Amino acid sequence: MDKDKALKNMTDLLLAKARMLQYHCGNCKSPLFEKEEKIICPVCGEMKVETEEVKEKASDTKTSKVLVKKRDELLLKIEKEKNPKKLTDLLEALEKLNKLL
């Protein structure tokens, strides 16, 4: 499919109130769109990916971002902490966070 046709398909999907997702088609690398709980590639056609899978991946990404932010905050606290007991507690918390990442 040529670029103009692909762009027209994307525009049509957006005008039809489809939502552009942060994921791309594995075949053509075009951005994927969600409309009526279906995942659509504007170049390849309708995809057989369940919306719940995409939502779960998005949730995992958000969770990872939060955990990374908390890890960075802990590292700053560890750097400044002088009390050995508090430092031990912070290091244990950091170790648990790293296991989740």
Protein backbone atom coordinates (compact mmCIF):
# COMPACT_ATOMS: atom_id res chain seq x y z
CA MET A 1 0.00 0.00 0.00
CA ASP A 2 1.38 3.43 -0.86
CA LYS A 3 1.96 6.13 1.77
CA ASP A 4 -0.95 8.30 0.58
CA LYS A 5 -3.44 5.44 0.89
CA ALA A 6 -2.10 4.52 4.35
CA LEU A 7 -2.32 8.14 5.49
CA LYS A 8 -5.90 8.38 4.18
CA ASN A 9 -6.84 5.20 6.06
CA MET A 10 -5.33 6.60 9.28
CA THR A 11 -7.18 9.88 8.81
CA ASP A 12 -10.45 8.05 8.17
CA LEU A 13 -9.98 6.00 11.34
CA LEU A 14 -9.34 9.12 13.42
CA LEU A 15 -12.37 10.85 11.94
CA ALA A 16 -14.41 7.75 12.80
CA LYS A 17 -13.32 8.28 16.44
CA ALA A 18 -10.82 5.44 16.50
CA ARG A 19 -8.03 5.88 19.01
CA MET A 20 -4.39 5.69 17.93
CA LEU A 21 -2.47 3.32 20.19
CA GLN A 22 1.15 3.35 21.25
CA TYR A 23 1.69 -0.01 19.56
CA HIS A 24 2.71 -0.75 15.99
CA CYS A 25 1.83 -3.50 13.54
CA GLY A 26 4.31 -6.36 13.58
CA ASN A 27 4.10 -6.67 9.80
CA CYS A 28 4.24 -3.13 8.42
CA LYS A 29 5.20 -1.07 11.52
CA SER A 30 2.18 1.22 11.07
CA PRO A 31 0.56 2.55 14.25
CA LEU A 32 -2.41 0.51 15.44
CA PHE A 33 -5.86 1.96 16.13
CA GLU A 34 -8.66 0.83 18.46
CA LYS A 35 -12.27 1.14 17.39
CA GLU A 36 -15.23 -0.65 18.95
CA GLU A 37 -12.89 -2.90 20.94
CA LYS A 38 -11.10 -4.05 17.80
CA ILE A 39 -7.48 -3.38 16.99
CA ILE A 40 -7.01 -2.20 13.42
CA CYS A 41 -3.94 -1.68 11.29
CA PRO A 42 -4.70 0.99 8.64
CA VAL A 43 -2.29 -0.68 6.21
CA CYS A 44 -2.81 -4.43 6.73
CA GLY A 45 -6.47 -4.37 7.80
CA GLU A 46 -8.12 -5.66 10.94
CA MET A 47 -5.83 -7.36 13.43
CA LYS A 48 -6.60 -10.38 15.61
CA VAL A 49 -5.27 -8.86 18.81
CA GLU A 50 -7.58 -8.68 21.77
CA THR A 51 -8.08 -5.23 23.27
CA GLU A 52 -7.52 -6.63 26.76
CA GLU A 53 -4.00 -7.73 25.78
CA VAL A 54 -3.16 -4.22 24.61
CA LYS A 55 -4.64 -2.67 27.76
CA GLU A 56 -2.66 -5.10 29.91
CA LYS A 57 0.58 -4.15 28.14
CA ALA A 58 -0.20 -0.46 28.60
CA SER A 59 -0.87 -1.06 32.29
CA ASP A 60 2.43 -2.94 32.63
CA THR A 61 4.26 -0.02 31.03
CA LYS A 62 2.64 2.46 33.41
CA THR A 63 3.48 0.26 36.39
CA SER A 64 7.11 0.03 35.29
CA LYS A 65 7.35 3.81 34.98
CA VAL A 66 6.02 4.26 38.51
CA LEU A 67 8.43 1.66 39.89
CA VAL A 68 11.40 3.28 38.14
CA LYS A 69 10.41 6.66 39.56
CA LYS A 70 10.16 5.21 43.07
CA ARG A 71 13.54 3.52 42.66
CA ASP A 72 15.10 6.86 41.69
CA GLU A 73 13.53 8.50 44.75
CA LEU A 74 14.90 5.74 46.98
CA LEU A 75 18.38 6.13 45.51
CA LEU A 76 18.34 9.83 46.38
CA LYS A 77 17.28 9.04 49.95
CA ILE A 78 19.98 6.35 50.24
CA GLU A 79 22.62 8.81 49.06
CA LYS A 80 21.70 11.31 51.82
CA GLU A 81 20.92 8.91 54.69
CA LYS A 82 23.38 8.77 57.61
CA ASN A 83 21.42 6.58 60.06
CA PRO A 84 22.50 2.92 59.58
CA LYS A 85 19.07 1.51 60.54
CA LYS A 86 17.21 3.78 58.11
CA LEU A 87 19.83 3.04 55.45
CA THR A 88 19.25 -0.69 55.89
CA ASP A 89 15.49 -0.21 55.54
CA LEU A 90 15.95 1.87 52.39
CA LEU A 91 18.30 -0.72 50.88
CA GLU A 92 15.78 -3.49 51.59
CA ALA A 93 13.05 -1.45 49.91
CA LEU A 94 15.35 -0.87 46.92
CA GLU A 95 16.10 -4.59 46.68
CA LYS A 96 12.36 -5.40 46.62
CA LEU A 97 11.70 -2.76 43.97
CA ASN A 98 14.51 -4.10 41.79
CA LYS A 99 12.98 -7.58 41.95
CA LEU A 100 9.71 -6.16 40.59
CA LEU A 101 11.51 -4.49 37.71
